[in-house]
Amino acid sequence: MSIQDSLKNINFKDRVLACPAMGKTTRFQLVDEFGSGQPYAGLAFEVTDSEDLKYKGFLNTNGTGEVKNHCAGAIALTFNTA
């Protein structure tokens, strides 16, 4: 099973949060996996938060993405090249 298939099977609805509070911010950066540190600028991403709400965006020129005002708890980050 590929990582993408595994991510599709994640169901955050089965998890109970102590408080599904909004207002959380998450930042992340994607760089070249071969060690040169080159950013993946402009790549589209989608984040799914613990309440199954979806947020879309693009990495900036430094390869950094940010999701503001999402629910507390785990998030799933996916990149789509199609």
PDB file of N, CA and C in Angstrom:
ATOM      1  N   MET A   1       0.851  -1.174   0.000  1.00  0.00           N
ATOM      2  CA  MET A   1       0.000   0.000   0.000  1.00  0.00           C
ATOM      3  C   MET A   1       0.895   1.235   0.000  1.00  0.00           C
ATOM      4  N   SER A   2       0.607   2.178  -0.877  1.00  0.00           N
ATOM      5  CA  SER A   2       1.408   3.389  -0.957  1.00  0.00           C
ATOM      6  C   SER A   2       1.034   4.354   0.169  1.00  0.00           C
ATOM      7  N   ILE A   3       1.889   5.339   0.375  1.00  0.00           N
ATOM      8  CA  ILE A   3       1.616   6.361   1.390  1.00  0.00           C
ATOM      9  C   ILE A   3       0.336   7.111   1.057  1.00  0.00           C
ATOM     10  N   GLN A   4       0.126   7.396  -0.234  1.00  0.00           N
ATOM     11  CA  GLN A   4      -1.088   8.115  -0.634  1.00  0.00           C
ATOM     12  C   GLN A   4      -2.329   7.302  -0.318  1.00  0.00           C
ATOM     13  N   ASP A   5      -2.279   5.977  -0.548  1.00  0.00           N
ATOM     14  CA  ASP A   5      -3.421   5.121  -0.213  1.00  0.00           C
ATOM     15  C   ASP A   5      -3.677   5.118   1.283  1.00  0.00           C
ATOM     16  N   SER A   6      -2.597   5.097   2.071  1.00  0.00           N
ATOM     17  CA  SER A   6      -2.738   5.124   3.527  1.00  0.00           C
ATOM     18  C   SER A   6      -3.392   6.415   3.993  1.00  0.00           C
ATOM     19  N   LEU A   7      -2.996   7.555   3.395  1.00  0.00           N
ATOM     20  CA  LEU A   7      -3.569   8.846   3.778  1.00  0.00           C
ATOM     21  C   LEU A   7      -5.052   8.919   3.458  1.00  0.00           C
ATOM     22  N   LYS A   8      -5.461   8.292   2.363  1.00  0.00           N
ATOM     23  CA  LYS A   8      -6.875   8.301   1.979  1.00  0.00           C
ATOM     24  C   LYS A   8      -7.729   7.568   2.993  1.00  0.00           C
ATOM     25  N   ASN A   9      -7.130   6.612   3.732  1.00  0.00           N
ATOM     26  CA  ASN A   9      -7.876   5.810   4.691  1.00  0.00           C
ATOM     27  C   ASN A   9      -7.941   6.428   6.080  1.00  0.00           C
ATOM     28  N   ILE A  10      -7.269   7.561   6.280  1.00  0.00           N
ATOM     29  CA  ILE A  10      -7.313   8.219   7.582  1.00  0.00           C
ATOM     30  C   ILE A  10      -8.688   8.848   7.768  1.00  0.00           C
ATOM     31  N   ASN A  11      -9.294   8.564   8.897  1.00  0.00           N
ATOM     32  CA  ASN A  11     -10.605   9.124   9.207  1.00  0.00           C
ATOM     33  C   ASN A  11     -10.506   9.834  10.551  1.00  0.00           C
ATOM     34  N   PHE A  12     -10.340  11.142  10.507  1.00  0.00           N
ATOM     35  CA  PHE A  12     -10.206  11.911  11.730  1.00  0.00           C
ATOM     36  C   PHE A  12     -11.508  11.955  12.526  1.00  0.00           C
ATOM     37  N   LYS A  13     -12.633  11.629  11.926  1.00  0.00           N
ATOM     38  CA  LYS A  13     -13.912  11.673  12.633  1.00  0.00           C
ATOM     39  C   LYS A  13     -13.968  10.648  13.765  1.00  0.00           C
ATOM     40  N   ASP A  14     -13.144   9.588  13.706  1.00  0.00           N
ATOM     41  CA  ASP A  14     -13.130   8.570  14.747  1.00  0.00           C
ATOM     42  C   ASP A  14     -12.427   9.047  16.007  1.00  0.00           C
ATOM     43  N   ARG A  15     -11.768  10.180  15.939  1.00  0.00           N
ATOM     44  CA  ARG A  15     -11.030  10.693  17.087  1.00  0.00           C
ATOM     45  C   ARG A  15     -11.879  11.734  17.815  1.00  0.00           C
ATOM     46  N   VAL A  16     -11.872  11.673  19.115  1.00  0.00           N
ATOM     47  CA  VAL A  16     -12.622  12.626  19.919  1.00  0.00           C
ATOM     48  C   VAL A  16     -11.650  13.640  20.486  1.00  0.00           C
ATOM     49  N   LEU A  17     -11.900  14.895  20.216  1.00  0.00           N
ATOM     50  CA  LEU A  17     -11.050  15.958  20.741  1.00  0.00           C
ATOM     51  C   LEU A  17     -11.606  16.441  22.067  1.00  0.00           C
ATOM     52  N   ALA A  18     -10.711  16.830  22.955  1.00  0.00           N
ATOM     53  CA  ALA A  18     -11.153  17.397  24.220  1.00  0.00           C
ATOM     54  C   ALA A  18     -11.902  18.700  23.964  1.00  0.00           C
ATOM     55  N   CYS A  19     -11.434  19.454  22.977  1.00  0.00           N
ATOM     56  CA  CYS A  19     -12.065  20.705  22.607  1.00  0.00           C
ATOM     57  C   CYS A  19     -11.731  20.992  21.149  1.00  0.00           C
ATOM     58  N   PRO A  20     -12.703  20.911  20.247  1.00  0.00           N
ATOM     59  CA  PRO A  20     -12.410  21.171  18.832  1.00  0.00           C
ATOM     60  C   PRO A  20     -12.269  22.668  18.553  1.00  0.00           C
ATOM     61  N   ALA A  21     -11.314  23.288  19.234  1.00  0.00           N
ATOM     62  CA  ALA A  21     -11.125  24.727  19.144  1.00  0.00           C
ATOM     63  C   ALA A  21     -10.528  25.127  17.804  1.00  0.00           C
ATOM     64  N   MET A  22     -11.048  26.188  17.255  1.00  0.00           N
ATOM     65  CA  MET A  22     -10.489  26.769  16.045  1.00  0.00           C
ATOM     66  C   MET A  22      -9.384  27.743  16.465  1.00  0.00           C
ATOM     67  N   GLY A  23      -8.715  28.282  15.469  1.00  0.00           N
ATOM     68  CA  GLY A  23      -7.738  29.311  15.759  1.00  0.00           C
ATOM     69  C   GLY A  23      -6.294  28.847  15.752  1.00  0.00           C
ATOM     70  N   LYS A  24      -6.058  27.597  15.412  1.00  0.00           N
ATOM     71  CA  LYS A  24      -4.684  27.093  15.371  1.00  0.00           C
ATOM     72  C   LYS A  24      -4.033  27.457  14.045  1.00  0.00           C
ATOM     73  N   THR A  25      -2.712  27.622  14.044  1.00  0.00           N
ATOM     74  CA  THR A  25      -1.941  27.913  12.841  1.00  0.00           C
ATOM     75  C   THR A  25      -0.827  26.886  12.723  1.00  0.00           C
ATOM     76  N   THR A  26      -0.630  26.369  11.521  1.00  0.00           N
ATOM     77  CA  THR A  26       0.442  25.414  11.255  1.00  0.00           C
ATOM     78  C   THR A  26       1.241  25.901  10.064  1.00  0.00           C
ATOM     79  N   ARG A  27       2.560  25.865  10.190  1.00  0.00           N
ATOM     80  CA  ARG A  27       3.465  26.222   9.090  1.00  0.00           C
ATOM     81  C   ARG A  27       4.340  25.015   8.779  1.00  0.00           C
ATOM     82  N   PHE A  28       4.694  24.864   7.525  1.00  0.00           N
ATOM     83  CA  PHE A  28       5.543  23.751   7.104  1.00  0.00           C
ATOM     84  C   PHE A  28       6.350  24.183   5.896  1.00  0.00           C
ATOM     85  N   GLN A  29       7.452  23.460   5.644  1.00  0.00           N
ATOM     86  CA  GLN A  29       8.315  23.778   4.509  1.00  0.00           C
ATOM     87  C   GLN A  29       8.704  22.481   3.815  1.00  0.00           C
ATOM     88  N   LEU A  30       8.654  22.508   2.495  1.00  0.00           N
ATOM     89  CA  LEU A  30       9.047  21.353   1.684  1.00  0.00           C
ATOM     90  C   LEU A  30      10.271  21.745   0.869  1.00  0.00           C
ATOM     91  N   VAL A  31      11.352  20.966   1.047  1.00  0.00           N
ATOM     92  CA  VAL A  31      12.595  21.234   0.315  1.00  0.00           C
ATOM     93  C   VAL A  31      13.034  19.964  -0.416  1.00  0.00           C
ATOM     94  N   ASP A  32      13.990  20.115  -1.304  1.00  0.00           N
ATOM     95  CA  ASP A  32      14.540  19.037  -2.102  1.00  0.00           C
ATOM     96  C   ASP A  32      15.055  17.899  -1.212  1.00  0.00           C
ATOM     97  N   GLU A  33      14.593  16.691  -1.477  1.00  0.00           N
ATOM     98  CA  GLU A  33      14.963  15.540  -0.666  1.00  0.00           C
ATOM     99  C   GLU A  33      16.389  15.039  -0.917  1.00  0.00           C
ATOM    100  N   PHE A  34      17.075  15.586  -1.915  1.00  0.00           N
ATOM    101  CA  PHE A  34      18.429  15.149  -2.227  1.00  0.00           C
ATOM    102  C   PHE A  34      19.488  15.959  -1.492  1.00  0.00           C
ATOM    103  N   GLY A  35      19.078  16.833  -0.613  1.00  0.00           N
ATOM    104  CA  GLY A  35      20.014  17.525   0.247  1.00  0.00           C
ATOM    105  C   GLY A  35      20.464  18.891  -0.214  1.00  0.00           C
ATOM    106  N   SER A  36      20.015  19.347  -1.373  1.00  0.00           N
ATOM    107  CA  SER A  36      20.445  20.666  -1.827  1.00  0.00           C
ATOM    108  C   SER A  36      19.660  21.785  -1.146  1.00  0.00           C
ATOM    109  N   GLY A  37      18.539  21.438  -0.531  1.00  0.00           N
ATOM    110  CA  GLY A  37      17.751  22.424   0.196  1.00  0.00           C
ATOM    111  C   GLY A  37      16.934  23.363  -0.672  1.00  0.00           C
ATOM    112  N   GLN A  38      16.796  23.042  -1.940  1.00  0.00           N
ATOM    113  CA  GLN A  38      16.017  23.894  -2.839  1.00  0.00           C
ATOM    114  C   GLN A  38      14.525  23.770  -2.513  1.00  0.00           C
ATOM    115  N   PRO A  39      13.819  24.884  -2.387  1.00  0.00           N
ATOM    116  CA  PRO A  39      12.393  24.838  -2.039  1.00  0.00           C
ATOM    117  C   PRO A  39      11.524  24.453  -3.231  1.00  0.00           C
ATOM    118  N   TYR A  40      10.380  23.893  -2.937  1.00  0.00           N
ATOM    119  CA  TYR A  40       9.372  23.578  -3.939  1.00  0.00           C
ATOM    120  C   TYR A  40       8.360  24.724  -4.001  1.00  0.00           C
ATOM    121  N   ALA A  41       8.764  25.841  -4.504  1.00  0.00           N
ATOM    122  CA  ALA A  41       7.907  27.024  -4.561  1.00  0.00           C
ATOM    123  C   ALA A  41       6.741  26.809  -5.517  1.00  0.00           C
ATOM    124  N   GLY A  42       5.565  27.282  -5.106  1.00  0.00           N
ATOM    125  CA  GLY A  42       4.384  27.265  -5.959  1.00  0.00           C
ATOM    126  C   GLY A  42       3.608  25.970  -5.976  1.00  0.00           C
ATOM    127  N   LEU A  43       4.058  24.942  -5.288  1.00  0.00           N
ATOM    128  CA  LEU A  43       3.373  23.651  -5.281  1.00  0.00           C
ATOM    129  C   LEU A  43       2.050  23.763  -4.526  1.00  0.00           C
ATOM    130  N   ALA A  44       0.982  23.208  -5.109  1.00  0.00           N
ATOM    131  CA  ALA A  44      -0.340  23.236  -4.468  1.00  0.00           C
ATOM    132  C   ALA A  44      -0.398  22.208  -3.343  1.00  0.00           C
ATOM    133  N   PHE A  45      -1.080  22.562  -2.251  1.00  0.00           N
ATOM    134  CA  PHE A  45      -1.265  21.626  -1.142  1.00  0.00           C
ATOM    135  C   PHE A  45      -2.691  21.690  -0.633  1.00  0.00           C
ATOM    136  N   GLU A  46      -3.070  20.641   0.082  1.00  0.00           N
ATOM    137  CA  GLU A  46      -4.363  20.611   0.761  1.00  0.00           C
ATOM    138  C   GLU A  46      -4.139  20.039   2.158  1.00  0.00           C
ATOM    139  N   VAL A  47      -4.726  20.683   3.140  1.00  0.00           N
ATOM    140  CA  VAL A  47      -4.647  20.243   4.527  1.00  0.00           C
ATOM    141  C   VAL A  47      -6.052  19.856   4.974  1.00  0.00           C
ATOM    142  N   THR A  48      -6.149  18.726   5.665  1.00  0.00           N
ATOM    143  CA  THR A  48      -7.401  18.285   6.274  1.00  0.00           C
ATOM    144  C   THR A  48      -7.178  18.274   7.775  1.00  0.00           C
ATOM    145  N   ASP A  49      -8.024  19.008   8.502  1.00  0.00           N
ATOM    146  CA  ASP A  49      -7.825  19.079   9.951  1.00  0.00           C
ATOM    147  C   ASP A  49      -8.618  17.994  10.670  1.00  0.00           C
ATOM    148  N   SER A  50      -8.557  18.016  11.977  1.00  0.00           N
ATOM    149  CA  SER A  50      -9.162  16.976  12.801  1.00  0.00           C
ATOM    150  C   SER A  50     -10.683  16.928  12.722  1.00  0.00           C
ATOM    151  N   GLU A  51     -11.302  17.971  12.229  1.00  0.00           N
ATOM    152  CA  GLU A  51     -12.762  17.987  12.050  1.00  0.00           C
ATOM    153  C   GLU A  51     -13.146  17.772  10.587  1.00  0.00           C
ATOM    154  N   ASP A  52     -12.181  17.293   9.788  1.00  0.00           N
ATOM    155  CA  ASP A  52     -12.357  16.975   8.373  1.00  0.00           C
ATOM    156  C   ASP A  52     -12.636  18.217   7.514  1.00  0.00           C
ATOM    157  N   LEU A  53     -12.222  19.390   7.998  1.00  0.00           N
ATOM    158  CA  LEU A  53     -12.309  20.618   7.210  1.00  0.00           C
ATOM    159  C   LEU A  53     -11.076  20.692   6.324  1.00  0.00           C
ATOM    160  N   LYS A  54     -11.241  21.172   5.096  1.00  0.00           N
ATOM    161  CA  LYS A  54     -10.150  21.201   4.131  1.00  0.00           C
ATOM    162  C   LYS A  54      -9.719  22.640   3.850  1.00  0.00           C
ATOM    163  N   TYR A  55      -8.411  22.813   3.687  1.00  0.00           N
ATOM    164  CA  TYR A  55      -7.802  24.113   3.409  1.00  0.00           C
ATOM    165  C   TYR A  55      -6.836  23.922   2.258  1.00  0.00           C
ATOM    166  N   LYS A  56      -6.898  24.782   1.262  1.00  0.00           N
ATOM    167  CA  LYS A  56      -6.017  24.681   0.101  1.00  0.00           C
ATOM    168  C   LYS A  56      -5.113  25.894   0.023  1.00  0.00           C
ATOM    169  N   GLY A  57      -3.941  25.687  -0.562  1.00  0.00           N
ATOM    170  CA  GLY A  57      -3.009  26.791  -0.715  1.00  0.00           C
ATOM    171  C   GLY A  57      -1.854  26.403  -1.617  1.00  0.00           C
ATOM    172  N   PHE A  58      -0.872  27.299  -1.691  1.00  0.00           N
ATOM    173  CA  PHE A  58       0.325  27.096  -2.499  1.00  0.00           C
ATOM    174  C   PHE A  58       1.540  27.437  -1.654  1.00  0.00           C
ATOM    175  N   LEU A  59       2.630  26.702  -1.844  1.00  0.00           N
ATOM    176  CA  LEU A  59       3.871  27.013  -1.158  1.00  0.00           C
ATOM    177  C   LEU A  59       4.428  28.324  -1.690  1.00  0.00           C
ATOM    178  N   ASN A  60       5.001  29.137  -0.820  1.00  0.00           N
ATOM    179  CA  ASN A  60       5.568  30.418  -1.251  1.00  0.00           C
ATOM    180  C   ASN A  60       6.952  30.199  -1.872  1.00  0.00           C
ATOM    181  N   THR A  61       7.667  31.267  -2.145  1.00  0.00           N
ATOM    182  CA  THR A  61       8.970  31.167  -2.828  1.00  0.00           C
ATOM    183  C   THR A  61      10.017  30.433  -1.996  1.00  0.00           C
ATOM    184  N   ASN A  62       9.804  30.335  -0.694  1.00  0.00           N
ATOM    185  CA  ASN A  62      10.714  29.583   0.179  1.00  0.00           C
ATOM    186  C   ASN A  62      10.271  28.139   0.374  1.00  0.00           C
ATOM    187  N   GLY A  63       9.190  27.731  -0.315  1.00  0.00           N
ATOM    188  CA  GLY A  63       8.657  26.381  -0.147  1.00  0.00           C
ATOM    189  C   GLY A  63       7.871  26.217   1.138  1.00  0.00           C
ATOM    190  N   THR A  64       7.427  27.324   1.710  1.00  0.00           N
ATOM    191  CA  THR A  64       6.711  27.313   2.979  1.00  0.00           C
ATOM    192  C   THR A  64       5.214  27.476   2.750  1.00  0.00           C
ATOM    193  N   GLY A  65       4.438  26.689   3.470  1.00  0.00           N
ATOM    194  CA  GLY A  65       2.989  26.807   3.455  1.00  0.00           C
ATOM    195  C   GLY A  65       2.484  27.115   4.850  1.00  0.00           C
ATOM    196  N   GLU A  66       1.306  27.677   4.921  1.00  0.00           N
ATOM    197  CA  GLU A  66       0.718  28.031   6.216  1.00  0.00           C
ATOM    198  C   GLU A  66      -0.784  27.846   6.140  1.00  0.00           C
ATOM    199  N   VAL A  67      -1.324  27.281   7.202  1.00  0.00           N
ATOM    200  CA  VAL A  67      -2.769  27.134   7.335  1.00  0.00           C
ATOM    201  C   VAL A  67      -3.162  27.841   8.615  1.00  0.00           C
ATOM    202  N   LYS A  68      -4.038  28.819   8.490  1.00  0.00           N
ATOM    203  CA  LYS A  68      -4.467  29.601   9.650  1.00  0.00           C
ATOM    204  C   LYS A  68      -5.896  29.233  10.022  1.00  0.00           C
ATOM    205  N   ASN A  69      -6.175  29.354  11.307  1.00  0.00           N
ATOM    206  CA  ASN A  69      -7.522  29.190  11.851  1.00  0.00           C
ATOM    207  C   ASN A  69      -8.107  27.809  11.581  1.00  0.00           C
ATOM    208  N   HIS A  70      -7.292  26.757  11.797  1.00  0.00           N
ATOM    209  CA  HIS A  70      -7.826  25.397  11.666  1.00  0.00           C
ATOM    210  C   HIS A  70      -8.116  24.828  13.047  1.00  0.00           C
ATOM    211  N   CYS A  71      -8.820  23.700  13.073  1.00  0.00           N
ATOM    212  CA  CYS A  71      -9.182  23.061  14.341  1.00  0.00           C
ATOM    213  C   CYS A  71      -7.964  22.457  15.005  1.00  0.00           C
ATOM    214  N   ALA A  72      -7.967  22.444  16.315  1.00  0.00           N
ATOM    215  CA  ALA A  72      -6.892  21.832  17.091  1.00  0.00           C
ATOM    216  C   ALA A  72      -6.839  20.334  16.799  1.00  0.00           C
ATOM    217  N   GLY A  73      -5.666  19.768  16.907  1.00  0.00           N
ATOM    218  CA  GLY A  73      -5.501  18.337  16.691  1.00  0.00           C
ATOM    219  C   GLY A  73      -4.641  18.059  15.483  1.00  0.00           C
ATOM    220  N   ALA A  74      -4.584  16.799  15.114  1.00  0.00           N
ATOM    221  CA  ALA A  74      -3.755  16.359  13.991  1.00  0.00           C
ATOM    222  C   ALA A  74      -4.273  16.925  12.663  1.00  0.00           C
ATOM    223  N   ILE A  75      -3.329  17.115  11.720  1.00  0.00           N
ATOM    224  CA  ILE A  75      -3.707  17.495  10.365  1.00  0.00           C
ATOM    225  C   ILE A  75      -3.059  16.526   9.380  1.00  0.00           C
ATOM    226  N   ALA A  76      -3.661  16.398   8.220  1.00  0.00           N
ATOM    227  CA  ALA A  76      -3.081  15.607   7.127  1.00  0.00           C
ATOM    228  C   ALA A  76      -2.759  16.568   5.999  1.00  0.00           C
ATOM    229  N   LEU A  77      -1.522  16.480   5.519  1.00  0.00           N
ATOM    230  CA  LEU A  77      -1.040  17.366   4.452  1.00  0.00           C
ATOM    231  C   LEU A  77      -0.826  16.537   3.203  1.00  0.00           C
ATOM    232  N   THR A  78      -1.421  16.959   2.087  1.00  0.00           N
ATOM    233  CA  THR A  78      -1.243  16.260   0.818  1.00  0.00           C
ATOM    234  C   THR A  78      -0.847  17.263  -0.263  1.00  0.00           C
ATOM    235  N   PHE A  79      -0.050  16.763  -1.197  1.00  0.00           N
ATOM    236  CA  PHE A  79       0.368  17.548  -2.338  1.00  0.00           C
ATOM    237  C   PHE A  79      -0.165  16.875  -3.589  1.00  0.00           C
ATOM    238  N   ASN A  80      -0.697  17.667  -4.508  1.00  0.00           N
ATOM    239  CA  ASN A  80      -1.274  17.116  -5.730  1.00  0.00           C
ATOM    240  C   ASN A  80      -0.520  17.667  -6.913  1.00  0.00           C
ATOM    241  N   THR A  81       0.089  16.793  -7.713  1.00  0.00           N
ATOM    242  CA  THR A  81       0.843  17.230  -8.876  1.00  0.00           C
ATOM    243  C   THR A  81       0.002  17.204 -10.136  1.00  0.00           C
ATOM    244  N   ALA A  82      -1.209  16.680 -10.061  1.00  0.00           N
ATOM    245  CA  ALA A  82      -2.064  16.601 -11.272  1.00  0.00           C
ATOM    246  C   ALA A  82      -2.908  17.840 -11.423  1.00  0.00           C
TER     247      ALA A  82
END
